[in-house]
Amino acid sequence: MTDDQDRPRAAAAFDALGAEYEKAFAGSREHRHSLEWLLARLAPGSRVLDVGSGTGRPTAETLADAGHEVLGIDVSPVMVELAARQVPAATFRCADVRDVPLEDGSFDAVCVYFSLLQLDRREQTDLVRRLVRLLRPEGYLVLATVPLDVEGVDAAFMGQPVRVTSFPAQELVALAEDAGLEVLAEEASMFTPAHPDARPEPHLFLHCRRTGQPRMG
């Protein structure tokens, strides 16, 4: 399946889930801890990019409520509509983040919570490198994923068909470091979404700071 075919497939899955996704993941203490980690380091009025912003909760809402300027980008029109209604203090755009013109060095932080899994490994690597370039020097990037050694696997996520690609934890850390990030903290856990079709899944949160430019290669 080509990338152009994968994009609407990913959007359709999350359109179908809508608010159910927010309910299923509302109990993630690790996600809340990750946001607290970021909030403790951001200067007042920081500009934050939320990649794969979903319904706007908890990420965009938590950051906007703390007085930060949040831009959320998501491929799902249903998610973006929900987010705009639920978090009016933030700005949301329905788009693939790879297609949105954004200025290098224009964000104090970037959040990437579970939004890489629909991309293949080369696309994930390229996107993380681009997101690092969007950060100001010493800016923060928080990345969460399901750390599995899988590539292009067709699966069901909360009853919806998805194609999943990920990296094992050690390779994800190496990807972040090669992109010009210093990994300041890691948190690994098991989490079961509150949904009848959900299964326990490993979660990994990387809390990083931009220290340089992506390495060549």
N, C-alpha and C. Protein backbone atom coordinates (compact mmCIF):
# COMPACT_ATOMS: atom_id res chain seq x y z
N MET A 1 0.84 -1.20 0.00
CA MET A 1 0.00 0.00 0.00
C MET A 1 0.88 1.25 0.00
N THR A 2 0.54 2.21 -0.84
CA THR A 2 1.35 3.41 -0.93
C THR A 2 1.05 4.36 0.21
N ASP A 3 1.95 5.34 0.37
CA ASP A 3 1.76 6.35 1.41
C ASP A 3 0.46 7.11 1.20
N ASP A 4 0.13 7.46 -0.07
CA ASP A 4 -1.09 8.20 -0.35
C ASP A 4 -2.32 7.41 0.03
N GLN A 5 -2.24 6.08 -0.04
CA GLN A 5 -3.36 5.25 0.38
C GLN A 5 -3.42 5.12 1.89
N ASP A 6 -2.28 5.12 2.54
CA ASP A 6 -2.24 4.99 4.00
C ASP A 6 -2.83 6.20 4.71
N ARG A 7 -2.65 7.39 4.14
CA ARG A 7 -3.12 8.61 4.81
C ARG A 7 -4.62 8.59 5.06
N PRO A 8 -5.46 8.36 4.01
CA PRO A 8 -6.89 8.31 4.29
C PRO A 8 -7.28 7.14 5.17
N ARG A 9 -6.53 6.05 5.10
CA ARG A 9 -6.83 4.89 5.96
C ARG A 9 -6.65 5.27 7.43
N ALA A 10 -5.57 5.97 7.74
CA ALA A 10 -5.34 6.40 9.12
C ALA A 10 -6.41 7.38 9.57
N ALA A 11 -6.75 8.33 8.70
CA ALA A 11 -7.78 9.31 9.04
C ALA A 11 -9.11 8.63 9.29
N ALA A 12 -9.46 7.64 8.45
CA ALA A 12 -10.74 6.95 8.60
C ALA A 12 -10.83 6.22 9.94
N ALA A 13 -9.73 5.60 10.36
CA ALA A 13 -9.74 4.88 11.64
C ALA A 13 -10.02 5.82 12.80
N PHE A 14 -9.39 6.97 12.80
CA PHE A 14 -9.56 7.89 13.92
C PHE A 14 -10.83 8.72 13.80
N ASP A 15 -11.32 8.90 12.57
CA ASP A 15 -12.65 9.48 12.41
C ASP A 15 -13.69 8.58 13.09
N ALA A 16 -13.55 7.28 12.88
CA ALA A 16 -14.50 6.33 13.44
C ALA A 16 -14.43 6.27 14.97
N LEU A 17 -13.23 6.41 15.50
CA LEU A 17 -13.05 6.34 16.96
C LEU A 17 -13.57 7.61 17.65
N GLY A 18 -13.23 8.77 17.07
CA GLY A 18 -13.71 10.03 17.63
C GLY A 18 -13.47 10.15 19.12
N ALA A 19 -14.51 10.52 19.86
CA ALA A 19 -14.41 10.75 21.30
C ALA A 19 -14.09 9.48 22.06
N GLU A 20 -14.34 8.31 21.45
CA GLU A 20 -14.03 7.05 22.14
C GLU A 20 -12.53 6.94 22.42
N TYR A 21 -11.72 7.50 21.53
CA TYR A 21 -10.27 7.45 21.74
C TYR A 21 -9.90 8.20 23.02
N GLU A 22 -10.46 9.40 23.17
CA GLU A 22 -10.18 10.19 24.37
C GLU A 22 -10.58 9.44 25.63
N LYS A 23 -11.76 8.83 25.63
CA LYS A 23 -12.24 8.09 26.80
C LYS A 23 -11.32 6.91 27.11
N ALA A 24 -10.87 6.24 26.06
CA ALA A 24 -10.06 5.04 26.24
C ALA A 24 -8.71 5.34 26.88
N PHE A 25 -8.15 6.53 26.60
CA PHE A 25 -6.81 6.85 27.08
C PHE A 25 -6.80 7.88 28.22
N ALA A 26 -7.99 8.26 28.68
CA ALA A 26 -8.06 9.28 29.73
C ALA A 26 -7.39 8.84 31.03
N GLY A 27 -7.28 7.55 31.24
CA GLY A 27 -6.69 7.06 32.49
C GLY A 27 -5.19 6.91 32.47
N SER A 28 -4.52 7.39 31.43
CA SER A 28 -3.06 7.22 31.34
C SER A 28 -2.34 8.20 32.26
N ARG A 29 -1.89 7.71 33.40
CA ARG A 29 -1.12 8.55 34.33
C ARG A 29 0.22 8.96 33.73
N GLU A 30 0.78 8.07 32.91
CA GLU A 30 2.08 8.38 32.31
C GLU A 30 1.98 9.56 31.35
N HIS A 31 0.89 9.66 30.62
CA HIS A 31 0.70 10.81 29.74
C HIS A 31 0.63 12.09 30.56
N ARG A 32 -0.10 12.05 31.65
CA ARG A 32 -0.19 13.22 32.54
C ARG A 32 1.17 13.57 33.12
N HIS A 33 1.91 12.57 33.54
CA HIS A 33 3.25 12.81 34.08
C HIS A 33 4.15 13.44 33.02
N SER A 34 4.01 12.98 31.79
CA SER A 34 4.81 13.52 30.70
C SER A 34 4.51 15.00 30.48
N LEU A 35 3.24 15.36 30.51
CA LEU A 35 2.86 16.76 30.35
C LEU A 35 3.36 17.60 31.52
N GLU A 36 3.31 17.05 32.72
CA GLU A 36 3.83 17.76 33.90
C GLU A 36 5.33 18.00 33.75
N TRP A 37 6.03 17.01 33.22
CA TRP A 37 7.48 17.15 32.99
C TRP A 37 7.73 18.32 32.05
N LEU A 38 6.96 18.40 30.98
CA LEU A 38 7.15 19.46 30.00
C LEU A 38 6.77 20.82 30.58
N LEU A 39 5.65 20.89 31.26
CA LEU A 39 5.20 22.16 31.84
C LEU A 39 6.21 22.74 32.81
N ALA A 40 6.90 21.87 33.52
CA ALA A 40 7.88 22.33 34.50
C ALA A 40 9.09 23.00 33.85
N ARG A 41 9.25 22.80 32.54
CA ARG A 41 10.43 23.31 31.84
C ARG A 41 10.14 24.44 30.85
N LEU A 42 8.88 24.66 30.54
CA LEU A 42 8.53 25.68 29.55
C LEU A 42 8.46 27.07 30.17
N ALA A 43 8.99 28.04 29.46
CA ALA A 43 8.84 29.44 29.87
C ALA A 43 7.40 29.87 29.63
N PRO A 44 6.92 30.89 30.36
CA PRO A 44 5.55 31.37 30.15
C PRO A 44 5.31 31.75 28.70
N GLY A 45 4.12 31.40 28.20
CA GLY A 45 3.75 31.77 26.84
C GLY A 45 4.53 31.07 25.75
N SER A 46 5.01 29.87 26.02
CA SER A 46 5.77 29.13 25.01
C SER A 46 4.88 28.71 23.85
N ARG A 47 5.51 28.52 22.69
CA ARG A 47 4.80 28.06 21.50
C ARG A 47 5.04 26.56 21.35
N VAL A 48 3.95 25.78 21.28
CA VAL A 48 4.05 24.33 21.29
C VAL A 48 3.29 23.75 20.10
N LEU A 49 3.91 22.79 19.42
CA LEU A 49 3.29 22.06 18.32
C LEU A 49 2.86 20.69 18.83
N ASP A 50 1.58 20.36 18.65
CA ASP A 50 1.04 19.07 19.06
C ASP A 50 0.75 18.26 17.80
N VAL A 51 1.60 17.27 17.52
CA VAL A 51 1.51 16.47 16.30
C VAL A 51 0.58 15.28 16.54
N GLY A 52 -0.50 15.21 15.77
CA GLY A 52 -1.50 14.18 16.01
C GLY A 52 -2.31 14.54 17.24
N SER A 53 -2.93 15.71 17.20
CA SER A 53 -3.52 16.33 18.40
C SER A 53 -4.83 15.69 18.85
N GLY A 54 -5.43 14.82 18.02
CA GLY A 54 -6.61 14.09 18.44
C GLY A 54 -7.75 15.01 18.86
N THR A 55 -8.37 14.68 19.98
CA THR A 55 -9.51 15.46 20.47
C THR A 55 -9.09 16.70 21.25
N GLY A 56 -7.77 16.92 21.34
CA GLY A 56 -7.27 18.08 22.09
C GLY A 56 -7.04 17.81 23.56
N ARG A 57 -7.49 16.66 24.03
CA ARG A 57 -7.32 16.29 25.43
C ARG A 57 -6.53 15.01 25.55
N PRO A 58 -5.57 14.95 26.48
CA PRO A 58 -5.26 16.00 27.45
C PRO A 58 -4.19 17.00 27.00
N THR A 59 -3.49 16.74 25.90
CA THR A 59 -2.27 17.50 25.60
C THR A 59 -2.54 18.99 25.36
N ALA A 60 -3.27 19.31 24.30
CA ALA A 60 -3.48 20.72 23.95
C ALA A 60 -4.20 21.46 25.07
N GLU A 61 -5.18 20.81 25.67
CA GLU A 61 -5.94 21.46 26.74
C GLU A 61 -5.04 21.79 27.92
N THR A 62 -4.22 20.84 28.34
CA THR A 62 -3.33 21.06 29.49
C THR A 62 -2.36 22.20 29.21
N LEU A 63 -1.78 22.22 28.02
CA LEU A 63 -0.80 23.25 27.68
C LEU A 63 -1.46 24.62 27.51
N ALA A 64 -2.61 24.66 26.85
CA ALA A 64 -3.31 25.93 26.66
C ALA A 64 -3.80 26.50 27.99
N ASP A 65 -4.30 25.63 28.86
CA ASP A 65 -4.76 26.09 30.18
C ASP A 65 -3.62 26.68 31.00
N ALA A 66 -2.38 26.26 30.70
CA ALA A 66 -1.21 26.79 31.40
C ALA A 66 -0.69 28.07 30.75
N GLY A 67 -1.39 28.55 29.73
CA GLY A 67 -1.03 29.83 29.11
C GLY A 67 -0.12 29.74 27.91
N HIS A 68 0.08 28.53 27.37
CA HIS A 68 0.97 28.38 26.23
C HIS A 68 0.18 28.47 24.92
N GLU A 69 0.88 28.84 23.85
CA GLU A 69 0.28 28.96 22.52
C GLU A 69 0.43 27.63 21.81
N VAL A 70 -0.69 26.96 21.55
CA VAL A 70 -0.66 25.59 21.04
C VAL A 70 -1.23 25.52 19.63
N LEU A 71 -0.48 24.88 18.73
CA LEU A 71 -0.96 24.54 17.40
C LEU A 71 -1.06 23.03 17.32
N GLY A 72 -2.27 22.51 17.12
CA GLY A 72 -2.48 21.08 16.98
C GLY A 72 -2.75 20.72 15.53
N ILE A 73 -2.12 19.65 15.06
CA ILE A 73 -2.30 19.20 13.67
C ILE A 73 -2.68 17.73 13.69
N ASP A 74 -3.75 17.39 12.94
CA ASP A 74 -4.22 16.00 12.91
C ASP A 74 -4.84 15.72 11.54
N VAL A 75 -4.71 14.47 11.07
CA VAL A 75 -5.26 14.11 9.76
C VAL A 75 -6.75 13.81 9.80
N SER A 76 -7.31 13.65 11.00
CA SER A 76 -8.71 13.26 11.14
C SER A 76 -9.62 14.48 11.27
N PRO A 77 -10.52 14.72 10.30
CA PRO A 77 -11.45 15.85 10.43
C PRO A 77 -12.33 15.76 11.66
N VAL A 78 -12.75 14.55 12.03
CA VAL A 78 -13.60 14.39 13.21
C VAL A 78 -12.84 14.79 14.47
N MET A 79 -11.60 14.35 14.58
CA MET A 79 -10.78 14.71 15.74
C MET A 79 -10.56 16.22 15.82
N VAL A 80 -10.26 16.84 14.69
CA VAL A 80 -9.99 18.27 14.67
C VAL A 80 -11.24 19.05 15.07
N GLU A 81 -12.39 18.62 14.59
CA GLU A 81 -13.64 19.29 14.97
C GLU A 81 -13.89 19.18 16.48
N LEU A 82 -13.67 17.99 17.04
CA LEU A 82 -13.82 17.81 18.48
C LEU A 82 -12.84 18.69 19.24
N ALA A 83 -11.60 18.70 18.80
CA ALA A 83 -10.56 19.48 19.49
C ALA A 83 -10.88 20.96 19.49
N ALA A 84 -11.29 21.49 18.34
CA ALA A 84 -11.59 22.91 18.23
C ALA A 84 -12.74 23.30 19.16
N ARG A 85 -13.70 22.39 19.32
CA ARG A 85 -14.83 22.67 20.20
C ARG A 85 -14.44 22.55 21.68
N GLN A 86 -13.61 21.56 21.99
CA GLN A 86 -13.27 21.30 23.38
C GLN A 86 -12.17 22.20 23.92
N VAL A 87 -11.28 22.64 23.04
CA VAL A 87 -10.12 23.43 23.48
C VAL A 87 -10.06 24.70 22.62
N PRO A 88 -10.97 25.65 22.85
CA PRO A 88 -10.99 26.85 22.01
C PRO A 88 -9.77 27.75 22.18
N ALA A 89 -9.02 27.57 23.24
CA ALA A 89 -7.83 28.40 23.47
C ALA A 89 -6.66 27.99 22.59
N ALA A 90 -6.74 26.82 21.94
CA ALA A 90 -5.68 26.35 21.04
C ALA A 90 -6.15 26.48 19.60
N THR A 91 -5.20 26.35 18.67
CA THR A 91 -5.49 26.38 17.24
C THR A 91 -5.28 24.99 16.66
N PHE A 92 -6.21 24.54 15.82
CA PHE A 92 -6.10 23.19 15.25
C PHE A 92 -6.24 23.26 13.73
N ARG A 93 -5.48 22.40 13.07
CA ARG A 93 -5.53 22.30 11.61
C ARG A 93 -5.68 20.85 11.21
N CYS A 94 -6.57 20.60 10.23
CA CYS A 94 -6.73 19.25 9.69
C CYS A 94 -5.78 19.10 8.52
N ALA A 95 -4.70 18.37 8.73
CA ALA A 95 -3.66 18.22 7.70
C ALA A 95 -2.70 17.13 8.14
N ASP A 96 -1.90 16.68 7.20
CA ASP A 96 -0.74 15.85 7.50
C ASP A 96 0.40 16.81 7.84
N VAL A 97 1.01 16.65 9.01
CA VAL A 97 2.01 17.60 9.45
C VAL A 97 3.15 17.74 8.46
N ARG A 98 3.38 16.70 7.66
CA ARG A 98 4.46 16.74 6.67
C ARG A 98 4.16 17.69 5.53
N ASP A 99 2.88 18.04 5.37
CA ASP A 99 2.47 18.92 4.27
C ASP A 99 2.30 20.38 4.71
N VAL A 100 2.47 20.65 6.00
CA VAL A 100 2.21 21.99 6.53
C VAL A 100 3.50 22.80 6.54
N PRO A 101 3.54 23.97 5.89
CA PRO A 101 4.75 24.80 5.94
C PRO A 101 4.91 25.44 7.32
N LEU A 102 5.97 25.06 8.00
CA LEU A 102 6.26 25.60 9.33
C LEU A 102 7.71 26.06 9.35
N GLU A 103 7.96 27.13 10.04
CA GLU A 103 9.29 27.74 10.04
C GLU A 103 10.23 27.04 11.01
N ASP A 104 11.43 26.75 10.54
CA ASP A 104 12.44 26.15 11.42
C ASP A 104 12.69 27.06 12.62
N GLY A 105 12.90 26.45 13.77
CA GLY A 105 13.24 27.20 14.97
C GLY A 105 12.10 28.03 15.53
N SER A 106 10.85 27.67 15.21
CA SER A 106 9.72 28.51 15.60
C SER A 106 8.92 27.98 16.78
N PHE A 107 9.31 26.83 17.34
CA PHE A 107 8.57 26.26 18.47
C PHE A 107 9.51 26.02 19.66
N ASP A 108 8.95 26.24 20.84
CA ASP A 108 9.68 25.95 22.08
C ASP A 108 9.59 24.48 22.46
N ALA A 109 8.54 23.82 21.99
CA ALA A 109 8.36 22.40 22.29
C ALA A 109 7.50 21.76 21.22
N VAL A 110 7.71 20.47 21.04
CA VAL A 110 6.89 19.66 20.13
C VAL A 110 6.46 18.41 20.89
N CYS A 111 5.17 18.09 20.81
CA CYS A 111 4.63 16.88 21.42
C CYS A 111 4.24 15.90 20.32
N VAL A 112 4.67 14.66 20.47
CA VAL A 112 4.37 13.62 19.49
C VAL A 112 3.88 12.40 20.27
N TYR A 113 2.61 12.42 20.66
CA TYR A 113 2.06 11.34 21.47
C TYR A 113 1.36 10.32 20.59
N PHE A 114 2.04 9.20 20.32
CA PHE A 114 1.48 8.04 19.62
C PHE A 114 1.01 8.36 18.20
N SER A 115 1.62 9.35 17.57
CA SER A 115 1.17 9.76 16.24
C SER A 115 2.11 9.33 15.11
N LEU A 116 3.14 8.54 15.42
CA LEU A 116 4.05 8.06 14.39
C LEU A 116 3.70 6.67 13.88
N LEU A 117 2.84 5.97 14.58
CA LEU A 117 2.66 4.54 14.35
C LEU A 117 2.07 4.19 12.99
N GLN A 118 1.43 5.15 12.32
CA GLN A 118 0.85 4.89 11.01
C GLN A 118 1.85 5.14 9.87
N LEU A 119 3.05 5.60 10.20
CA LEU A 119 4.09 5.88 9.20
C LEU A 119 5.09 4.74 9.15
N ASP A 120 5.74 4.56 7.99
CA ASP A 120 6.79 3.55 7.94
C ASP A 120 8.06 4.10 8.60
N ARG A 121 9.07 3.27 8.72
CA ARG A 121 10.24 3.65 9.51
C ARG A 121 11.00 4.82 8.89
N ARG A 122 11.12 4.85 7.59
CA ARG A 122 11.80 5.97 6.95
C ARG A 122 11.02 7.25 7.17
N GLU A 123 9.70 7.17 7.05
CA GLU A 123 8.86 8.35 7.28
C GLU A 123 8.95 8.83 8.72
N GLN A 124 8.96 7.90 9.67
CA GLN A 124 9.10 8.29 11.07
C GLN A 124 10.44 8.99 11.31
N THR A 125 11.50 8.42 10.76
CA THR A 125 12.82 9.01 10.94
C THR A 125 12.89 10.40 10.34
N ASP A 126 12.38 10.54 9.12
CA ASP A 126 12.40 11.84 8.45
C ASP A 126 11.56 12.87 9.21
N LEU A 127 10.40 12.45 9.72
CA LEU A 127 9.54 13.39 10.43
C LEU A 127 10.17 13.85 11.73
N VAL A 128 10.75 12.94 12.50
CA VAL A 128 11.40 13.36 13.75
C VAL A 128 12.51 14.35 13.45
N ARG A 129 13.29 14.11 12.41
CA ARG A 129 14.35 15.05 12.04
C ARG A 129 13.78 16.43 11.70
N ARG A 130 12.66 16.43 10.97
CA ARG A 130 12.06 17.72 10.63
C ARG A 130 11.53 18.42 11.89
N LEU A 131 10.92 17.67 12.79
CA LEU A 131 10.38 18.27 14.01
C LEU A 131 11.49 18.86 14.88
N VAL A 132 12.65 18.22 14.88
CA VAL A 132 13.79 18.78 15.62
C VAL A 132 14.19 20.12 15.02
N ARG A 133 14.18 20.23 13.71
CA ARG A 133 14.53 21.50 13.06
C ARG A 133 13.52 22.60 13.40
N LEU A 134 12.28 22.22 13.68
CA LEU A 134 11.27 23.22 14.04
C LEU A 134 11.50 23.80 15.43
N LEU A 135 12.26 23.09 16.24
CA LEU A 135 12.53 23.54 17.61
C LEU A 135 13.55 24.67 17.65
N ARG A 136 13.36 25.57 18.58
CA ARG A 136 14.40 26.55 18.89
C ARG A 136 15.54 25.82 19.61
N PRO A 137 16.76 26.38 19.60
CA PRO A 137 17.86 25.75 20.33
C PRO A 137 17.46 25.50 21.78
N GLU A 138 17.75 24.29 22.27
CA GLU A 138 17.42 23.85 23.63
C GLU A 138 15.92 23.62 23.83
N GLY A 139 15.14 23.62 22.73
CA GLY A 139 13.72 23.33 22.82
C GLY A 139 13.49 21.86 23.15
N TYR A 140 12.26 21.54 23.58
CA TYR A 140 11.94 20.20 24.07
C TYR A 140 11.05 19.45 23.07
N LEU A 141 11.30 18.15 22.97
CA LEU A 141 10.45 17.27 22.20
C LEU A 141 10.08 16.08 23.07
N VAL A 142 8.78 15.84 23.19
CA VAL A 142 8.28 14.69 23.94
C VAL A 142 7.67 13.71 22.95
N LEU A 143 8.15 12.49 22.98
CA LEU A 143 7.74 11.47 22.02
C LEU A 143 7.25 10.24 22.77
N ALA A 144 6.03 9.81 22.45
CA ALA A 144 5.49 8.59 23.05
C ALA A 144 5.07 7.64 21.94
N THR A 145 5.31 6.35 22.16
CA THR A 145 4.97 5.35 21.15
C THR A 145 4.76 4.01 21.81
N VAL A 146 4.39 3.04 21.00
CA VAL A 146 4.32 1.64 21.43
C VAL A 146 5.59 0.98 20.92
N PRO A 147 6.57 0.70 21.81
CA PRO A 147 7.90 0.29 21.36
C PRO A 147 7.96 -1.20 20.98
N LEU A 148 7.60 -1.49 19.75
CA LEU A 148 7.62 -2.87 19.27
C LEU A 148 8.46 -2.95 18.00
N ASP A 149 9.03 -4.11 17.76
CA ASP A 149 9.82 -4.34 16.54
C ASP A 149 8.88 -4.86 15.46
N VAL A 150 8.09 -3.93 14.89
CA VAL A 150 7.11 -4.31 13.86
C VAL A 150 7.18 -3.32 12.72
N GLU A 151 6.87 -3.81 11.52
CA GLU A 151 6.92 -2.94 10.34
C GLU A 151 5.83 -3.33 9.35
N GLY A 152 4.90 -2.40 9.11
CA GLY A 152 3.84 -2.63 8.14
C GLY A 152 2.90 -3.76 8.50
N VAL A 153 2.58 -3.89 9.79
CA VAL A 153 1.71 -4.97 10.25
C VAL A 153 0.25 -4.50 10.26
N ASP A 154 -0.63 -5.24 9.62
CA ASP A 154 -2.05 -4.94 9.67
C ASP A 154 -2.61 -5.44 11.00
N ALA A 155 -3.31 -4.56 11.70
CA ALA A 155 -3.82 -4.89 13.02
C ALA A 155 -5.15 -4.21 13.25
N ALA A 156 -5.79 -4.59 14.35
CA ALA A 156 -7.03 -3.93 14.77
C ALA A 156 -6.73 -3.11 16.01
N PHE A 157 -7.10 -1.84 15.98
CA PHE A 157 -6.91 -0.96 17.13
C PHE A 157 -8.28 -0.47 17.57
N MET A 158 -8.71 -0.93 18.74
CA MET A 158 -10.03 -0.58 19.26
C MET A 158 -11.10 -0.85 18.19
N GLY A 159 -10.94 -1.99 17.50
CA GLY A 159 -11.93 -2.40 16.52
C GLY A 159 -11.76 -1.82 15.13
N GLN A 160 -10.76 -0.95 14.94
CA GLN A 160 -10.54 -0.30 13.64
C GLN A 160 -9.29 -0.86 12.97
N PRO A 161 -9.36 -1.09 11.65
CA PRO A 161 -8.17 -1.61 10.95
C PRO A 161 -7.11 -0.52 10.80
N VAL A 162 -5.89 -0.86 11.17
CA VAL A 162 -4.77 0.07 11.06
C VAL A 162 -3.55 -0.70 10.56
N ARG A 163 -2.60 0.03 10.02
CA ARG A 163 -1.30 -0.55 9.65
C ARG A 163 -0.26 0.07 10.56
N VAL A 164 0.47 -0.76 11.30
CA VAL A 164 1.33 -0.30 12.38
C VAL A 164 2.80 -0.57 12.07
N THR A 165 3.63 0.44 12.33
CA THR A 165 5.08 0.30 12.26
C THR A 165 5.67 0.98 13.48
N SER A 166 6.66 0.34 14.09
CA SER A 166 7.31 0.96 15.24
C SER A 166 8.75 0.48 15.35
N PHE A 167 9.43 0.98 16.36
CA PHE A 167 10.80 0.60 16.68
C PHE A 167 10.85 0.04 18.10
N PRO A 168 11.73 -0.91 18.37
CA PRO A 168 11.99 -1.25 19.77
C PRO A 168 12.62 -0.07 20.49
N ALA A 169 12.55 -0.07 21.81
CA ALA A 169 12.93 1.10 22.61
C ALA A 169 14.34 1.59 22.31
N GLN A 170 15.31 0.69 22.27
CA GLN A 170 16.70 1.10 22.07
C GLN A 170 16.90 1.78 20.72
N GLU A 171 16.21 1.28 19.70
CA GLU A 171 16.33 1.88 18.38
C GLU A 171 15.64 3.24 18.32
N LEU A 172 14.55 3.40 19.06
CA LEU A 172 13.88 4.69 19.10
C LEU A 172 14.76 5.74 19.76
N VAL A 173 15.44 5.36 20.83
CA VAL A 173 16.37 6.28 21.49
C VAL A 173 17.47 6.68 20.51
N ALA A 174 18.01 5.71 19.77
CA ALA A 174 19.06 6.01 18.79
C ALA A 174 18.53 6.94 17.69
N LEU A 175 17.29 6.73 17.28
CA LEU A 175 16.67 7.61 16.27
C LEU A 175 16.62 9.04 16.79
N ALA A 176 16.20 9.20 18.05
CA ALA A 176 16.10 10.54 18.64
C ALA A 176 17.47 11.20 18.74
N GLU A 177 18.46 10.45 19.15
CA GLU A 177 19.80 11.02 19.30
C GLU A 177 20.38 11.39 17.94
N ASP A 178 20.16 10.56 16.93
CA ASP A 178 20.66 10.86 15.59
C ASP A 178 19.98 12.10 15.01
N ALA A 179 18.76 12.38 15.49
CA ALA A 179 18.02 13.54 15.00
C ALA A 179 18.46 14.84 15.66
N GLY A 180 19.38 14.76 16.62
CA GLY A 180 19.87 15.96 17.28
C GLY A 180 19.25 16.22 18.63
N LEU A 181 18.75 15.15 19.27
CA LEU A 181 18.11 15.28 20.58
C LEU A 181 18.95 14.61 21.66
N GLU A 182 18.86 15.15 22.85
CA GLU A 182 19.38 14.48 24.05
C GLU A 182 18.19 13.93 24.81
N VAL A 183 18.19 12.63 25.06
CA VAL A 183 17.10 12.02 25.82
C VAL A 183 17.37 12.24 27.30
N LEU A 184 16.55 13.07 27.91
CA LEU A 184 16.73 13.44 29.32
C LEU A 184 16.06 12.47 30.27
N ALA A 185 14.98 11.85 29.83
CA ALA A 185 14.25 10.93 30.70
C ALA A 185 13.43 9.97 29.85
N GLU A 186 13.28 8.74 30.35
CA GLU A 186 12.46 7.72 29.70
C GLU A 186 11.48 7.17 30.73
N GLU A 187 10.28 6.86 30.28
CA GLU A 187 9.31 6.19 31.15
C GLU A 187 8.60 5.11 30.35
N ALA A 188 8.72 3.88 30.84
CA ALA A 188 8.09 2.74 30.18
C ALA A 188 6.99 2.19 31.08
N SER A 189 5.90 1.73 30.46
CA SER A 189 4.78 1.20 31.24
C SER A 189 3.94 0.28 30.37
N MET A 190 3.01 -0.41 31.00
CA MET A 190 1.97 -1.14 30.29
C MET A 190 0.65 -0.44 30.55
N PHE A 191 -0.14 -0.30 29.48
CA PHE A 191 -1.41 0.41 29.62
C PHE A 191 -2.48 -0.32 28.83
N THR A 192 -3.66 -0.44 29.42
CA THR A 192 -4.80 -1.03 28.73
C THR A 192 -5.86 0.04 28.53
N PRO A 193 -6.09 0.46 27.29
CA PRO A 193 -7.14 1.46 27.04
C PRO A 193 -8.50 0.98 27.54
N ALA A 194 -9.31 1.92 27.99
CA ALA A 194 -10.64 1.60 28.53
C ALA A 194 -11.62 1.43 27.36
N HIS A 195 -11.50 0.29 26.69
CA HIS A 195 -12.35 0.00 25.54
C HIS A 195 -12.48 -1.51 25.44
N PRO A 196 -13.67 -2.03 25.15
CA PRO A 196 -13.85 -3.49 25.14
C PRO A 196 -12.98 -4.23 24.14
N ASP A 197 -12.56 -3.57 23.06
CA ASP A 197 -11.72 -4.23 22.06
C ASP A 197 -10.24 -3.96 22.25
N ALA A 198 -9.88 -3.29 23.34
CA ALA A 198 -8.47 -2.94 23.57
C ALA A 198 -7.74 -4.06 24.31
N ARG A 199 -6.44 -4.09 24.09
CA ARG A 199 -5.57 -5.05 24.77
C ARG A 199 -4.45 -4.29 25.47
N PRO A 200 -3.82 -4.91 26.48
CA PRO A 200 -2.67 -4.24 27.12
C PRO A 200 -1.58 -3.97 26.10
N GLU A 201 -0.96 -2.80 26.18
CA GLU A 201 0.09 -2.44 25.24
C GLU A 201 1.22 -1.72 25.95
N PRO A 202 2.46 -1.97 25.54
CA PRO A 202 3.58 -1.25 26.15
C PRO A 202 3.62 0.18 25.65
N HIS A 203 3.93 1.09 26.54
CA HIS A 203 4.08 2.51 26.18
C HIS A 203 5.47 2.97 26.57
N LEU A 204 6.05 3.82 25.75
CA LEU A 204 7.36 4.41 26.05
C LEU A 204 7.28 5.90 25.81
N PHE A 205 7.68 6.68 26.81
CA PHE A 205 7.72 8.13 26.71
C PHE A 205 9.17 8.58 26.76
N LEU A 206 9.60 9.31 25.74
CA LEU A 206 10.94 9.89 25.71
C LEU A 206 10.81 11.39 25.87
N HIS A 207 11.56 11.95 26.82
CA HIS A 207 11.55 13.38 27.08
C HIS A 207 12.92 13.93 26.68
N CYS A 208 12.91 14.76 25.65
CA CYS A 208 14.16 15.13 24.98
C CYS A 208 14.34 16.64 24.87
N ARG A 209 15.59 17.02 24.62
CA ARG A 209 15.93 18.42 24.39
C ARG A 209 16.80 18.51 23.14
N ARG A 210 16.54 19.53 22.34
CA ARG A 210 17.35 19.72 21.14
C ARG A 210 18.74 20.20 21.53
N THR A 211 19.74 19.48 21.05
CA THR A 211 21.12 19.86 21.36
C THR A 211 21.94 20.16 20.12
N GLY A 212 21.40 19.84 18.95
CA GLY A 212 22.17 20.08 17.73
C GLY A 212 21.36 19.83 16.50
N GLN A 213 22.04 19.62 15.38
CA GLN A 213 21.41 19.33 14.11
C GLN A 213 21.36 17.82 13.91
N PRO A 214 20.39 17.33 13.12
CA PRO A 214 20.37 15.89 12.79
C PRO A 214 21.69 15.46 12.17
N ARG A 215 22.13 14.25 12.53
CA ARG A 215 23.34 13.71 11.93
C ARG A 215 23.06 13.30 10.50
N MET A 216 24.10 13.32 9.71
CA MET A 216 23.98 12.92 8.30
C MET A 216 23.79 11.41 8.24
N GLY A 217 23.09 10.97 7.18
CA GLY A 217 22.94 9.52 7.01
C GLY A 217 21.49 9.12 6.92
